[in-house]
C-alpha atoms as a PDB file:
ATOM      1  CA  UNK A   1       4.440 -38.669  -5.534  1.00  0.00           C
ATOM      2  CA  UNK A   2       2.873 -39.782  -2.292  1.00  0.00           C
ATOM      3  CA  UNK A   3       0.898 -42.932  -1.659  1.00  0.00           C
ATOM      4  CA  UNK A   4       1.410 -46.413  -2.986  1.00  0.00           C
ATOM      5  CA  UNK A   5       0.375 -47.392  -6.477  1.00  0.00           C
ATOM      6  CA  UNK A   6      -1.997 -50.368  -6.399  1.00  0.00           C
ATOM      7  CA  UNK A   7      -0.264 -53.544  -7.567  1.00  0.00           C
ATOM      8  CA  UNK A   8      -3.008 -54.101 -10.162  1.00  0.00           C
ATOM      9  CA  UNK A   9      -1.904 -50.891 -11.902  1.00  0.00           C
ATOM     10  CA  UNK A  10       1.781 -51.819 -11.928  1.00  0.00           C
ATOM     11  CA  UNK A  11       1.712 -55.318 -13.376  1.00  0.00           C
ATOM     12  CA  UNK A  12      -1.006 -57.487 -14.787  1.00  0.00           C
ATOM     13  CA  UNK A  13      -1.195 -61.237 -14.679  1.00  0.00           C
ATOM     14  CA  UNK A  14       1.681 -63.168 -16.185  1.00  0.00           C
ATOM     15  CA  UNK A  15       1.336 -64.171 -19.809  1.00  0.00           C
ATOM     16  CA  UNK A  16       2.930 -66.741 -22.035  1.00  0.00           C
ATOM     17  CA  UNK A  17       5.863 -65.917 -24.298  1.00  0.00           C
ATOM     18  CA  UNK A  18       3.550 -66.125 -27.311  1.00  0.00           C
ATOM     19  CA  UNK A  19       1.080 -63.690 -25.739  1.00  0.00           C
ATOM     20  CA  UNK A  20       3.940 -61.342 -24.886  1.00  0.00           C
ATOM     21  CA  UNK A  21       5.124 -61.401 -28.523  1.00  0.00           C
ATOM     22  CA  UNK A  22       1.571 -60.673 -29.727  1.00  0.00           C
ATOM     23  CA  UNK A  23       1.239 -57.755 -27.309  1.00  0.00           C
ATOM     24  CA  UNK A  24       4.627 -56.351 -28.311  1.00  0.00           C
ATOM     25  CA  UNK A  25       3.767 -56.690 -32.009  1.00  0.00           C
ATOM     26  CA  UNK A  26       0.462 -54.872 -31.461  1.00  0.00           C
ATOM     27  CA  UNK A  27       2.113 -52.038 -29.521  1.00  0.00           C
ATOM     28  CA  UNK A  28       4.851 -51.701 -32.144  1.00  0.00           C
ATOM     29  CA  UNK A  29       2.249 -51.578 -34.931  1.00  0.00           C
ATOM     30  CA  UNK A  30       0.179 -49.012 -33.026  1.00  0.00           C
ATOM     31  CA  UNK A  31       3.245 -46.819 -32.455  1.00  0.00           C
ATOM     32  CA  UNK A  32       4.361 -47.137 -36.078  1.00  0.00           C
ATOM     33  CA  UNK A  33       0.922 -46.123 -37.388  1.00  0.00           C
ATOM     34  CA  UNK A  34       0.892 -43.056 -35.138  1.00  0.00           C
ATOM     35  CA  UNK A  35       4.516 -42.138 -35.928  1.00  0.00           C
ATOM     36  CA  UNK A  36       3.859 -42.389 -39.670  1.00  0.00           C
ATOM     37  CA  UNK A  37       0.609 -40.323 -39.417  1.00  0.00           C
ATOM     38  CA  UNK A  38      -1.651 -43.211 -40.443  1.00  0.00           C
ATOM     39  CA  UNK A  39      -4.343 -41.985 -38.069  1.00  0.00           C
ATOM     40  CA  UNK A  40      -7.350 -43.651 -39.725  1.00  0.00           C
ATOM     41  CA  UNK A  41      -5.613 -47.034 -39.463  1.00  0.00           C
ATOM     42  CA  UNK A  42      -4.550 -46.257 -35.876  1.00  0.00           C
ATOM     43  CA  UNK A  43      -8.132 -45.315 -34.950  1.00  0.00           C
ATOM     44  CA  UNK A  44      -9.388 -48.620 -36.372  1.00  0.00           C
ATOM     45  CA  UNK A  45      -7.343 -50.378 -33.653  1.00  0.00           C
ATOM     46  CA  UNK A  46      -9.297 -48.604 -30.881  1.00  0.00           C
ATOM     47  CA  UNK A  47     -12.244 -50.713 -29.623  1.00  0.00           C
ATOM     48  CA  UNK A  48     -15.693 -49.146 -29.142  1.00  0.00           C
ATOM     49  CA  UNK A  49     -15.532 -49.716 -25.371  1.00  0.00           C
ATOM     50  CA  UNK A  50     -12.140 -47.995 -24.997  1.00  0.00           C
ATOM     51  CA  UNK A  51     -11.564 -46.121 -21.742  1.00  0.00           C
ATOM     52  CA  UNK A  52      -8.301 -44.276 -21.118  1.00  0.00           C
ATOM     53  CA  UNK A  53      -7.479 -42.711 -17.768  1.00  0.00           C
ATOM     54  CA  UNK A  54      -4.233 -41.042 -16.678  1.00  0.00           C
ATOM     55  CA  UNK A  55      -4.551 -39.773 -13.106  1.00  0.00           C
ATOM     56  CA  UNK A  56      -2.665 -36.621 -12.103  1.00  0.00           C
ATOM     57  CA  UNK A  57      -1.701 -38.187  -8.781  1.00  0.00           C
ATOM     58  CA  UNK A  58      -2.340 -41.310  -6.717  1.00  0.00           C
ATOM     59  CA  UNK A  59      -5.117 -43.371  -8.270  1.00  0.00           C
ATOM     60  CA  UNK A  60      -6.995 -44.281  -5.096  1.00  0.00           C
ATOM     61  CA  UNK A  61     -10.717 -43.710  -5.522  1.00  0.00           C
ATOM     62  CA  UNK A  62     -10.817 -43.857  -9.306  1.00  0.00           C
ATOM     63  CA  UNK A  63     -11.503 -41.148 -11.876  1.00  0.00           C
ATOM     64  CA  UNK A  64     -14.520 -39.665 -10.067  1.00  0.00           C
ATOM     65  CA  UNK A  65     -12.378 -38.821  -7.038  1.00  0.00           C
ATOM     66  CA  UNK A  66      -9.200 -37.635  -8.771  1.00  0.00           C
ATOM     67  CA  UNK A  67      -7.896 -34.932 -11.044  1.00  0.00           C
ATOM     68  CA  UNK A  68      -6.899 -36.497 -14.357  1.00  0.00           C
ATOM     69  CA  UNK A  69      -4.484 -35.628 -17.134  1.00  0.00           C
ATOM     70  CA  UNK A  70      -6.646 -37.736 -19.460  1.00  0.00           C
ATOM     71  CA  UNK A  71     -10.081 -39.218 -18.839  1.00  0.00           C
ATOM     72  CA  UNK A  72     -11.454 -40.280 -22.227  1.00  0.00           C
ATOM     73  CA  UNK A  73     -13.802 -42.773 -23.787  1.00  0.00           C
ATOM     74  CA  UNK A  74     -14.062 -43.866 -27.431  1.00  0.00           C
ATOM     75  CA  UNK A  75     -15.898 -40.747 -28.621  1.00  0.00           C
ATOM     76  CA  UNK A  76     -13.452 -38.194 -27.197  1.00  0.00           C
ATOM     77  CA  UNK A  77     -10.409 -38.748 -29.472  1.00  0.00           C
ATOM     78  CA  UNK A  78     -12.461 -38.643 -32.687  1.00  0.00           C
ATOM     79  CA  UNK A  79     -12.642 -34.832 -33.083  1.00  0.00           C
ATOM     80  CA  UNK A  80      -8.895 -34.579 -32.449  1.00  0.00           C
ATOM     81  CA  UNK A  81      -8.179 -37.313 -34.983  1.00  0.00           C
ATOM     82  CA  UNK A  82     -10.484 -35.671 -37.528  1.00  0.00           C
ATOM     83  CA  UNK A  83      -8.336 -32.554 -37.234  1.00  0.00           C
ATOM     84  CA  UNK A  84      -5.214 -34.607 -38.051  1.00  0.00           C
ATOM     85  CA  UNK A  85      -6.796 -36.420 -40.994  1.00  0.00           C
END
C-alpha cells in the first residue's frame, strides 16, 4: 500500500487502565454475541449515529474521495441482520 496512514487512524489518545479494560470487555462481548449468532443483542450495541468506513486504499480525502470496502451508516446493516434473524 502506498502513502502514509494518518496517525489519528493508527492510534487514538491514551486511556487509563480501567478504560482499556472496559473497551476490551465491550469488544469481547460484541465478538461473543456475533460468534454465538445473538444478532438482535449485537445490533442493540450499535448506536443510532454509527458510521463505519473501511477504505480500499489510502484514506486521504475521506470516503467521498476514495473507493471503500465498507461505507455504512446505522440503517445499512439492518436488512442484512434481518436476514440472519
